[in-house]
């Protein structure tokens, strides 16, 4: 456990809850905490890069809250798997390896606009762009082209150790993880690569692959119930509920141990 960091996180979250209802105060509080985060954690951030890889936005959310990943105010760029719901992990890996070749091919069957929910979907890759409301096709494509470029910029940065972070509710293919590792190794020209899986499925994942690390979090049923009701982000960011605190502590401690032992 990193007691000093944990204390800082809980104090900053406590004051964030107080200031959030006043837009002006909240604005300057966010800038202050971003500056403080940079001073406290930038030395760590300089050694590695966490790359969320789906299947939903938990990897980006939890690593920003626990200060393992910089916030947007500290210059962290948004990546393609940060926000949208990429529901098929095997296809996510195919997208990375194929440079997202046909993800926005509107001529392909299955790429369409959901008028009721006001977002786009891609049935071929099982994607719901549920955070990009009211965008037309050109706007969505332009936005994700930037995020895709950011992804390969981060992957290619040899000065940093790469940690792919995946959250899943279903078992993964070991061969697909090996494909991802091989592709990244060839692209970078080094082996400073690890894959971390937050397993929220009911079945324990056991993969005997040296660069794959499993965090089995399936026994946190109360938090998973919150997750199903779609308010888990608020719970994690505020850490008000017991379920969120237990889940946060488990994932954060395991992530810290994996990262520190790997770089």
C-alpha atoms as a PDB file:
ATOM      1  CA  UNK A   1       0.000   0.000   0.000  1.00  0.00           C
ATOM      2  CA  UNK A   2       1.077   3.565  -0.713  1.00  0.00           C
ATOM      3  CA  UNK A   3      -0.389   5.286   2.351  1.00  0.00           C
ATOM      4  CA  UNK A   4       0.706   8.815   1.424  1.00  0.00           C
ATOM      5  CA  UNK A   5      -0.777   8.559  -2.063  1.00  0.00           C
ATOM      6  CA  UNK A   6      -3.982   7.012  -0.743  1.00  0.00           C
ATOM      7  CA  UNK A   7      -4.361   9.817   1.809  1.00  0.00           C
ATOM      8  CA  UNK A   8      -3.817  12.437  -0.877  1.00  0.00           C
ATOM      9  CA  UNK A   9      -6.368  10.772  -3.173  1.00  0.00           C
ATOM     10  CA  UNK A  10      -9.059  10.630  -0.490  1.00  0.00           C
ATOM     11  CA  UNK A  11      -8.445  14.219   0.597  1.00  0.00           C
ATOM     12  CA  UNK A  12      -8.572  15.533  -2.980  1.00  0.00           C
ATOM     13  CA  UNK A  13     -11.741  13.540  -3.700  1.00  0.00           C
ATOM     14  CA  UNK A  14     -13.355  14.844  -0.508  1.00  0.00           C
ATOM     15  CA  UNK A  15     -12.783  18.458  -1.519  1.00  0.00           C
ATOM     16  CA  UNK A  16     -13.806  17.716  -5.105  1.00  0.00           C
ATOM     17  CA  UNK A  17     -17.198  16.613  -3.798  1.00  0.00           C
ATOM     18  CA  UNK A  18     -17.501  19.885  -1.865  1.00  0.00           C
ATOM     19  CA  UNK A  19     -16.491  22.145  -4.773  1.00  0.00           C
ATOM     20  CA  UNK A  20     -18.269  20.370  -7.633  1.00  0.00           C
ATOM     21  CA  UNK A  21     -21.523  22.324  -7.223  1.00  0.00           C
ATOM     22  CA  UNK A  22     -19.813  25.661  -7.830  1.00  0.00           C
ATOM     23  CA  UNK A  23     -18.546  25.798 -11.408  1.00  0.00           C
ATOM     24  CA  UNK A  24     -15.967  28.555 -10.854  1.00  0.00           C
ATOM     25  CA  UNK A  25     -14.509  27.009  -7.690  1.00  0.00           C
ATOM     26  CA  UNK A  26     -14.560  23.572  -9.292  1.00  0.00           C
ATOM     27  CA  UNK A  27     -12.679  24.873 -12.337  1.00  0.00           C
ATOM     28  CA  UNK A  28      -9.799  26.270 -10.274  1.00  0.00           C
ATOM     29  CA  UNK A  29      -9.793  23.291  -7.907  1.00  0.00           C
ATOM     30  CA  UNK A  30      -9.295  20.953 -10.878  1.00  0.00           C
ATOM     31  CA  UNK A  31      -6.400  23.083 -12.117  1.00  0.00           C
ATOM     32  CA  UNK A  32      -4.852  23.085  -8.642  1.00  0.00           C
ATOM     33  CA  UNK A  33      -5.131  19.304  -8.250  1.00  0.00           C
ATOM     34  CA  UNK A  34      -3.778  18.769 -11.791  1.00  0.00           C
ATOM     35  CA  UNK A  35      -0.746  20.915 -10.911  1.00  0.00           C
ATOM     36  CA  UNK A  36      -0.268  19.028  -7.634  1.00  0.00           C
ATOM     37  CA  UNK A  37      -0.641  15.666  -9.385  1.00  0.00           C
ATOM     38  CA  UNK A  38       2.034  16.662 -11.890  1.00  0.00           C
ATOM     39  CA  UNK A  39       4.467  17.612  -9.135  1.00  0.00           C
ATOM     40  CA  UNK A  40       3.808  14.445  -7.147  1.00  0.00           C
ATOM     41  CA  UNK A  41       3.541  11.804  -9.851  1.00  0.00           C
ATOM     42  CA  UNK A  42       5.197  13.014 -13.057  1.00  0.00           C
ATOM     43  CA  UNK A  43       8.445  11.224 -12.227  1.00  0.00           C
ATOM     44  CA  UNK A  44       6.536   7.932 -12.210  1.00  0.00           C
ATOM     45  CA  UNK A  45       4.529   8.763 -15.323  1.00  0.00           C
ATOM     46  CA  UNK A  46       7.765   9.376 -17.242  1.00  0.00           C
ATOM     47  CA  UNK A  47       8.666   5.696 -16.998  1.00  0.00           C
ATOM     48  CA  UNK A  48       5.544   4.029 -18.353  1.00  0.00           C
ATOM     49  CA  UNK A  49       2.382   4.514 -20.348  1.00  0.00           C
ATOM     50  CA  UNK A  50      -0.946   2.833 -19.551  1.00  0.00           C
ATOM     51  CA  UNK A  51      -2.983   2.147 -22.693  1.00  0.00           C
ATOM     52  CA  UNK A  52      -6.645   1.213 -22.108  1.00  0.00           C
ATOM     53  CA  UNK A  53      -7.812  -1.463 -24.512  1.00  0.00           C
ATOM     54  CA  UNK A  54     -11.478  -1.972 -23.585  1.00  0.00           C
ATOM     55  CA  UNK A  55     -13.851  -3.519 -23.234  1.00  0.00           C
ATOM     56  CA  UNK A  56     -15.288  -0.416 -21.602  1.00  0.00           C
ATOM     57  CA  UNK A  57     -13.992   2.736 -19.942  1.00  0.00           C
ATOM     58  CA  UNK A  58     -13.022   1.328 -16.508  1.00  0.00           C
ATOM     59  CA  UNK A  59      -9.269   1.208 -17.372  1.00  0.00           C
ATOM     60  CA  UNK A  60      -9.180   4.948 -18.130  1.00  0.00           C
ATOM     61  CA  UNK A  61     -11.424   5.969 -15.230  1.00  0.00           C
ATOM     62  CA  UNK A  62      -9.791   4.028 -12.405  1.00  0.00           C
ATOM     63  CA  UNK A  63      -6.199   4.792 -13.420  1.00  0.00           C
ATOM     64  CA  UNK A  64      -6.962   8.514 -13.580  1.00  0.00           C
ATOM     65  CA  UNK A  65      -8.637   8.465 -10.159  1.00  0.00           C
ATOM     66  CA  UNK A  66      -5.790   6.527  -8.524  1.00  0.00           C
ATOM     67  CA  UNK A  67      -3.137   8.764 -10.153  1.00  0.00           C
ATOM     68  CA  UNK A  68      -1.443   5.956 -12.089  1.00  0.00           C
ATOM     69  CA  UNK A  69      -2.310   7.789 -15.298  1.00  0.00           C
ATOM     70  CA  UNK A  70      -2.210  11.557 -15.970  1.00  0.00           C
ATOM     71  CA  UNK A  71      -5.452  13.453 -16.416  1.00  0.00           C
ATOM     72  CA  UNK A  72      -6.355  15.331 -19.579  1.00  0.00           C
ATOM     73  CA  UNK A  73      -5.328  18.567 -17.812  1.00  0.00           C
ATOM     74  CA  UNK A  74      -1.857  17.093 -17.466  1.00  0.00           C
ATOM     75  CA  UNK A  75      -1.612  16.429 -21.173  1.00  0.00           C
ATOM     76  CA  UNK A  76      -2.861  12.850 -21.393  1.00  0.00           C
ATOM     77  CA  UNK A  77      -4.306  12.230 -24.834  1.00  0.00           C
ATOM     78  CA  UNK A  78      -7.585  10.434 -25.391  1.00  0.00           C
ATOM     79  CA  UNK A  79      -7.225   7.009 -27.031  1.00  0.00           C
ATOM     80  CA  UNK A  80      -9.794   5.059 -29.071  1.00  0.00           C
ATOM     81  CA  UNK A  81     -10.677   2.522 -26.358  1.00  0.00           C
ATOM     82  CA  UNK A  82     -10.957   5.090 -23.548  1.00  0.00           C
ATOM     83  CA  UNK A  83     -14.640   5.895 -23.860  1.00  0.00           C
ATOM     84  CA  UNK A  84     -16.609   3.847 -26.386  1.00  0.00           C
ATOM     85  CA  UNK A  85     -17.959   0.410 -25.497  1.00  0.00           C
ATOM     86  CA  UNK A  86     -15.779  -2.051 -27.468  1.00  0.00           C
ATOM     87  CA  UNK A  87     -17.510  -5.257 -26.415  1.00  0.00           C
ATOM     88  CA  UNK A  88     -15.363  -7.912 -28.181  1.00  0.00           C
ATOM     89  CA  UNK A  89     -11.789  -8.038 -26.904  1.00  0.00           C
ATOM     90  CA  UNK A  90     -10.564 -10.300 -29.699  1.00  0.00           C
ATOM     91  CA  UNK A  91     -11.822  -7.819 -32.276  1.00  0.00           C
ATOM     92  CA  UNK A  92     -10.217  -4.948 -30.344  1.00  0.00           C
ATOM     93  CA  UNK A  93      -6.863  -6.633 -30.794  1.00  0.00           C
ATOM     94  CA  UNK A  94      -7.586  -7.142 -34.499  1.00  0.00           C
ATOM     95  CA  UNK A  95      -8.306  -3.409 -34.778  1.00  0.00           C
ATOM     96  CA  UNK A  96      -4.946  -2.492 -33.214  1.00  0.00           C
ATOM     97  CA  UNK A  97      -3.002  -4.903 -35.417  1.00  0.00           C
ATOM     98  CA  UNK A  98      -4.865  -3.838 -38.588  1.00  0.00           C
ATOM     99  CA  UNK A  99      -4.592  -0.115 -37.760  1.00  0.00           C
ATOM    100  CA  UNK A 100      -8.399   0.210 -37.532  1.00  0.00           C
ATOM    101  CA  UNK A 101      -8.477  -0.325 -41.288  1.00  0.00           C
ATOM    102  CA  UNK A 102     -12.220  -0.498 -41.925  1.00  0.00           C
ATOM    103  CA  UNK A 103     -13.759   0.662 -38.653  1.00  0.00           C
ATOM    104  CA  UNK A 104     -15.441   3.636 -40.334  1.00  0.00           C
ATOM    105  CA  UNK A 105     -16.375   2.013 -43.615  1.00  0.00           C
ATOM    106  CA  UNK A 106     -19.982   3.190 -43.832  1.00  0.00           C
ATOM    107  CA  UNK A 107     -20.533   0.980 -46.854  1.00  0.00           C
ATOM    108  CA  UNK A 108     -20.135  -2.115 -44.679  1.00  0.00           C
ATOM    109  CA  UNK A 109     -23.279  -3.644 -43.261  1.00  0.00           C
ATOM    110  CA  UNK A 110     -23.700  -2.936 -39.565  1.00  0.00           C
ATOM    111  CA  UNK A 111     -22.300   0.582 -39.300  1.00  0.00           C
ATOM    112  CA  UNK A 112     -25.268   2.755 -38.516  1.00  0.00           C
ATOM    113  CA  UNK A 113     -26.701   5.612 -36.475  1.00  0.00           C
ATOM    114  CA  UNK A 114     -29.028   4.809 -33.590  1.00  0.00           C
ATOM    115  CA  UNK A 115     -31.588   7.612 -33.809  1.00  0.00           C
ATOM    116  CA  UNK A 116     -33.210   6.759 -30.491  1.00  0.00           C
ATOM    117  CA  UNK A 117     -29.978   6.904 -28.468  1.00  0.00           C
ATOM    118  CA  UNK A 118     -28.272   9.426 -30.772  1.00  0.00           C
ATOM    119  CA  UNK A 119     -24.999   7.565 -31.181  1.00  0.00           C
ATOM    120  CA  UNK A 120     -23.273   5.411 -33.791  1.00  0.00           C
ATOM    121  CA  UNK A 121     -22.757   1.644 -33.629  1.00  0.00           C
ATOM    122  CA  UNK A 122     -20.484  -0.736 -35.498  1.00  0.00           C
ATOM    123  CA  UNK A 123     -21.907  -4.265 -35.479  1.00  0.00           C
ATOM    124  CA  UNK A 124     -18.920  -5.820 -37.240  1.00  0.00           C
ATOM    125  CA  UNK A 125     -16.587  -4.929 -34.360  1.00  0.00           C
ATOM    126  CA  UNK A 126     -19.333  -4.831 -31.713  1.00  0.00           C
ATOM    127  CA  UNK A 127     -18.775  -1.168 -30.804  1.00  0.00           C
ATOM    128  CA  UNK A 128     -21.182   1.314 -29.271  1.00  0.00           C
ATOM    129  CA  UNK A 129     -19.950   4.911 -29.486  1.00  0.00           C
ATOM    130  CA  UNK A 130     -22.082   5.755 -26.464  1.00  0.00           C
ATOM    131  CA  UNK A 131     -20.117   8.798 -25.289  1.00  0.00           C
ATOM    132  CA  UNK A 132     -20.248  10.639 -28.626  1.00  0.00           C
ATOM    133  CA  UNK A 133     -23.785  11.959 -28.869  1.00  0.00           C
ATOM    134  CA  UNK A 134     -25.260  13.904 -31.790  1.00  0.00           C
ATOM    135  CA  UNK A 135     -22.155  13.643 -33.983  1.00  0.00           C
ATOM    136  CA  UNK A 136     -22.488  13.201 -37.702  1.00  0.00           C
ATOM    137  CA  UNK A 137     -20.426  10.617 -39.558  1.00  0.00           C
ATOM    138  CA  UNK A 138     -17.632  13.027 -40.525  1.00  0.00           C
ATOM    139  CA  UNK A 139     -17.325  14.377 -36.976  1.00  0.00           C
ATOM    140  CA  UNK A 140     -17.141  10.904 -35.432  1.00  0.00           C
ATOM    141  CA  UNK A 141     -14.566   9.728 -37.970  1.00  0.00           C
ATOM    142  CA  UNK A 142     -12.377  12.817 -37.473  1.00  0.00           C
ATOM    143  CA  UNK A 143     -12.534  12.466 -33.681  1.00  0.00           C
ATOM    144  CA  UNK A 144     -11.492   8.813 -33.722  1.00  0.00           C
ATOM    145  CA  UNK A 145      -8.779   9.313 -36.312  1.00  0.00           C
ATOM    146  CA  UNK A 146      -7.096  11.647 -33.811  1.00  0.00           C
ATOM    147  CA  UNK A 147      -7.513   9.111 -31.018  1.00  0.00           C
ATOM    148  CA  UNK A 148      -6.142   6.327 -33.204  1.00  0.00           C
ATOM    149  CA  UNK A 149      -3.086   8.433 -34.076  1.00  0.00           C
ATOM    150  CA  UNK A 150      -2.597   9.089 -30.354  1.00  0.00           C
ATOM    151  CA  UNK A 151      -2.643   5.344 -29.705  1.00  0.00           C
ATOM    152  CA  UNK A 152       0.173   4.567 -32.141  1.00  0.00           C
ATOM    153  CA  UNK A 153       2.154   7.559 -30.900  1.00  0.00           C
ATOM    154  CA  UNK A 154       2.030   6.108 -27.390  1.00  0.00           C
ATOM    155  CA  UNK A 155       2.780   2.550 -28.507  1.00  0.00           C
ATOM    156  CA  UNK A 156       5.816   3.727 -30.497  1.00  0.00           C
ATOM    157  CA  UNK A 157       7.320   5.765 -27.632  1.00  0.00           C
ATOM    158  CA  UNK A 158      10.327   3.605 -26.716  1.00  0.00           C
ATOM    159  CA  UNK A 159      11.184   5.798 -23.753  1.00  0.00           C
ATOM    160  CA  UNK A 160       8.242   4.314 -21.832  1.00  0.00           C
ATOM    161  CA  UNK A 161       7.234   0.822 -20.779  1.00  0.00           C
ATOM    162  CA  UNK A 162       3.824  -0.072 -22.246  1.00  0.00           C
ATOM    163  CA  UNK A 163       1.019  -1.504 -20.130  1.00  0.00           C
ATOM    164  CA  UNK A 164      -2.098  -2.520 -22.037  1.00  0.00           C
ATOM    165  CA  UNK A 165      -4.978  -2.461 -19.558  1.00  0.00           C
ATOM    166  CA  UNK A 166      -8.097  -4.495 -20.301  1.00  0.00           C
ATOM    167  CA  UNK A 167     -11.324  -4.942 -18.327  1.00  0.00           C
ATOM    168  CA  UNK A 168     -13.433  -7.957 -19.308  1.00  0.00           C
ATOM    169  CA  UNK A 169     -16.576  -9.824 -18.313  1.00  0.00           C
ATOM    170  CA  UNK A 170     -15.808 -12.809 -20.557  1.00  0.00           C
ATOM    171  CA  UNK A 171     -12.783 -15.134 -20.991  1.00  0.00           C
ATOM    172  CA  UNK A 172     -10.017 -14.026 -23.356  1.00  0.00           C
ATOM    173  CA  UNK A 173      -8.143 -15.825 -26.098  1.00  0.00           C
ATOM    174  CA  UNK A 174      -4.526 -16.491 -25.115  1.00  0.00           C
ATOM    175  CA  UNK A 175      -3.534 -16.624 -28.781  1.00  0.00           C
ATOM    176  CA  UNK A 176      -4.990 -13.139 -29.360  1.00  0.00           C
ATOM    177  CA  UNK A 177      -2.984 -11.729 -26.446  1.00  0.00           C
ATOM    178  CA  UNK A 178       0.125 -13.307 -27.936  1.00  0.00           C
ATOM    179  CA  UNK A 179      -0.695 -11.689 -31.299  1.00  0.00           C
ATOM    180  CA  UNK A 180      -0.984  -8.288 -29.577  1.00  0.00           C
ATOM    181  CA  UNK A 181       2.330  -8.747 -27.781  1.00  0.00           C
ATOM    182  CA  UNK A 182       4.136  -9.923 -30.936  1.00  0.00           C
ATOM    183  CA  UNK A 183       2.742  -7.039 -32.988  1.00  0.00           C
ATOM    184  CA  UNK A 184       3.724  -4.442 -30.371  1.00  0.00           C
ATOM    185  CA  UNK A 185       7.192  -5.940 -29.931  1.00  0.00           C
ATOM    186  CA  UNK A 186       7.841  -5.795 -33.666  1.00  0.00           C
ATOM    187  CA  UNK A 187       6.535  -2.238 -33.902  1.00  0.00           C
ATOM    188  CA  UNK A 188       8.617  -0.979 -30.980  1.00  0.00           C
ATOM    189  CA  UNK A 189      11.704  -3.131 -31.428  1.00  0.00           C
ATOM    190  CA  UNK A 190      11.815  -3.981 -27.724  1.00  0.00           C
ATOM    191  CA  UNK A 191       9.969  -6.087 -25.147  1.00  0.00           C
ATOM    192  CA  UNK A 192       9.012  -3.363 -22.648  1.00  0.00           C
ATOM    193  CA  UNK A 193       5.407  -4.516 -22.902  1.00  0.00           C
ATOM    194  CA  UNK A 194       2.962  -6.004 -20.410  1.00  0.00           C
ATOM    195  CA  UNK A 195      -0.735  -6.797 -20.602  1.00  0.00           C
ATOM    196  CA  UNK A 196      -2.909  -6.391 -17.495  1.00  0.00           C
ATOM    197  CA  UNK A 197      -6.396  -7.902 -17.376  1.00  0.00           C
ATOM    198  CA  UNK A 198      -9.037  -6.858 -14.855  1.00  0.00           C
ATOM    199  CA  UNK A 199     -11.256  -9.930 -14.888  1.00  0.00           C
ATOM    200  CA  UNK A 200     -14.843  -9.207 -13.848  1.00  0.00           C
ATOM    201  CA  UNK A 201     -16.250 -12.436 -15.257  1.00  0.00           C
ATOM    202  CA  UNK A 202     -17.579 -15.147 -12.965  1.00  0.00           C
ATOM    203  CA  UNK A 203     -14.766 -17.498 -13.978  1.00  0.00           C
ATOM    204  CA  UNK A 204     -11.210 -17.115 -12.785  1.00  0.00           C
ATOM    205  CA  UNK A 205      -8.728 -16.556 -15.598  1.00  0.00           C
ATOM    206  CA  UNK A 206      -5.491 -18.536 -15.441  1.00  0.00           C
ATOM    207  CA  UNK A 207      -3.026 -17.761 -18.216  1.00  0.00           C
ATOM    208  CA  UNK A 208       0.567 -18.915 -17.905  1.00  0.00           C
ATOM    209  CA  UNK A 209       2.068 -16.144 -20.034  1.00  0.00           C
ATOM    210  CA  UNK A 210       4.961 -14.151 -18.469  1.00  0.00           C
ATOM    211  CA  UNK A 211       3.873 -10.744 -19.764  1.00  0.00           C
ATOM    212  CA  UNK A 212       0.155 -11.188 -18.923  1.00  0.00           C
ATOM    213  CA  UNK A 213      -1.026 -10.230 -15.437  1.00  0.00           C
ATOM    214  CA  UNK A 214      -4.489 -11.124 -14.164  1.00  0.00           C
ATOM    215  CA  UNK A 215      -6.434  -9.184 -11.539  1.00  0.00           C
ATOM    216  CA  UNK A 216      -9.385 -11.403 -10.659  1.00  0.00           C
ATOM    217  CA  UNK A 217     -12.079  -9.033  -9.392  1.00  0.00           C
ATOM    218  CA  UNK A 218     -15.135 -11.175 -10.082  1.00  0.00           C
ATOM    219  CA  UNK A 219     -15.945 -11.635  -6.375  1.00  0.00           C
ATOM    220  CA  UNK A 220     -16.834  -7.958  -5.947  1.00  0.00           C
ATOM    221  CA  UNK A 221     -20.512  -8.661  -6.563  1.00  0.00           C
ATOM    222  CA  UNK A 222     -21.826  -5.505  -4.932  1.00  0.00           C
ATOM    223  CA  UNK A 223     -19.700  -3.286  -7.144  1.00  0.00           C
ATOM    224  CA  UNK A 224     -20.629  -5.328 -10.192  1.00  0.00           C
ATOM    225  CA  UNK A 225     -24.289  -4.720  -9.344  1.00  0.00           C
ATOM    226  CA  UNK A 226     -23.563  -0.985  -9.375  1.00  0.00           C
ATOM    227  CA  UNK A 227     -21.759  -1.501 -12.668  1.00  0.00           C
ATOM    228  CA  UNK A 228     -24.847  -3.054 -14.241  1.00  0.00           C
ATOM    229  CA  UNK A 229     -26.891  -0.009 -13.295  1.00  0.00           C
ATOM    230  CA  UNK A 230     -24.428   2.267 -15.139  1.00  0.00           C
ATOM    231  CA  UNK A 231     -23.558   4.538 -12.196  1.00  0.00           C
ATOM    232  CA  UNK A 232     -20.203   2.964 -11.394  1.00  0.00           C
ATOM    233  CA  UNK A 233     -18.244   5.990 -12.693  1.00  0.00           C
ATOM    234  CA  UNK A 234     -19.799   8.289 -10.098  1.00  0.00           C
ATOM    235  CA  UNK A 235     -19.113   5.719  -7.378  1.00  0.00           C
ATOM    236  CA  UNK A 236     -15.457   5.347  -8.317  1.00  0.00           C
ATOM    237  CA  UNK A 237     -14.826   9.060  -8.739  1.00  0.00           C
ATOM    238  CA  UNK A 238     -16.444   9.927  -5.409  1.00  0.00           C
ATOM    239  CA  UNK A 239     -15.480   6.754  -3.456  1.00  0.00           C
ATOM    240  CA  UNK A 240     -18.504   7.279  -1.253  1.00  0.00           C
ATOM    241  CA  UNK A 241     -19.856   3.727  -1.218  1.00  0.00           C
ATOM    242  CA  UNK A 242     -18.206   0.816   0.583  1.00  0.00           C
ATOM    243  CA  UNK A 243     -18.436  -1.289  -2.589  1.00  0.00           C
ATOM    244  CA  UNK A 244     -16.553   1.300  -4.632  1.00  0.00           C
ATOM    245  CA  UNK A 245     -13.857   1.712  -1.959  1.00  0.00           C
ATOM    246  CA  UNK A 246     -13.227  -2.040  -1.733  1.00  0.00           C
ATOM    247  CA  UNK A 247     -13.117  -2.451  -5.494  1.00  0.00           C
ATOM    248  CA  UNK A 248     -10.889   0.627  -5.893  1.00  0.00           C
ATOM    249  CA  UNK A 249      -8.446  -0.571  -3.225  1.00  0.00           C
ATOM    250  CA  UNK A 250      -8.200  -4.060  -4.699  1.00  0.00           C
ATOM    251  CA  UNK A 251      -7.584  -2.926  -8.280  1.00  0.00           C
ATOM    252  CA  UNK A 252      -5.293  -0.034  -7.298  1.00  0.00           C
ATOM    253  CA  UNK A 253      -3.022  -2.134  -5.064  1.00  0.00           C
ATOM    254  CA  UNK A 254      -2.727  -4.874  -7.682  1.00  0.00           C
ATOM    255  CA  UNK A 255      -1.984  -2.369 -10.456  1.00  0.00           C
ATOM    256  CA  UNK A 256       0.699  -0.661  -8.368  1.00  0.00           C
ATOM    257  CA  UNK A 257       2.391  -3.963  -7.602  1.00  0.00           C
ATOM    258  CA  UNK A 258       2.351  -5.087 -11.246  1.00  0.00           C
ATOM    259  CA  UNK A 259       3.692  -1.782 -12.576  1.00  0.00           C
ATOM    260  CA  UNK A 260       6.408  -1.406  -9.942  1.00  0.00           C
ATOM    261  CA  UNK A 261       7.626  -4.975 -10.464  1.00  0.00           C
ATOM    262  CA  UNK A 262       7.725  -4.596 -14.256  1.00  0.00           C
ATOM    263  CA  UNK A 263       9.544  -1.296 -14.897  1.00  0.00           C
END
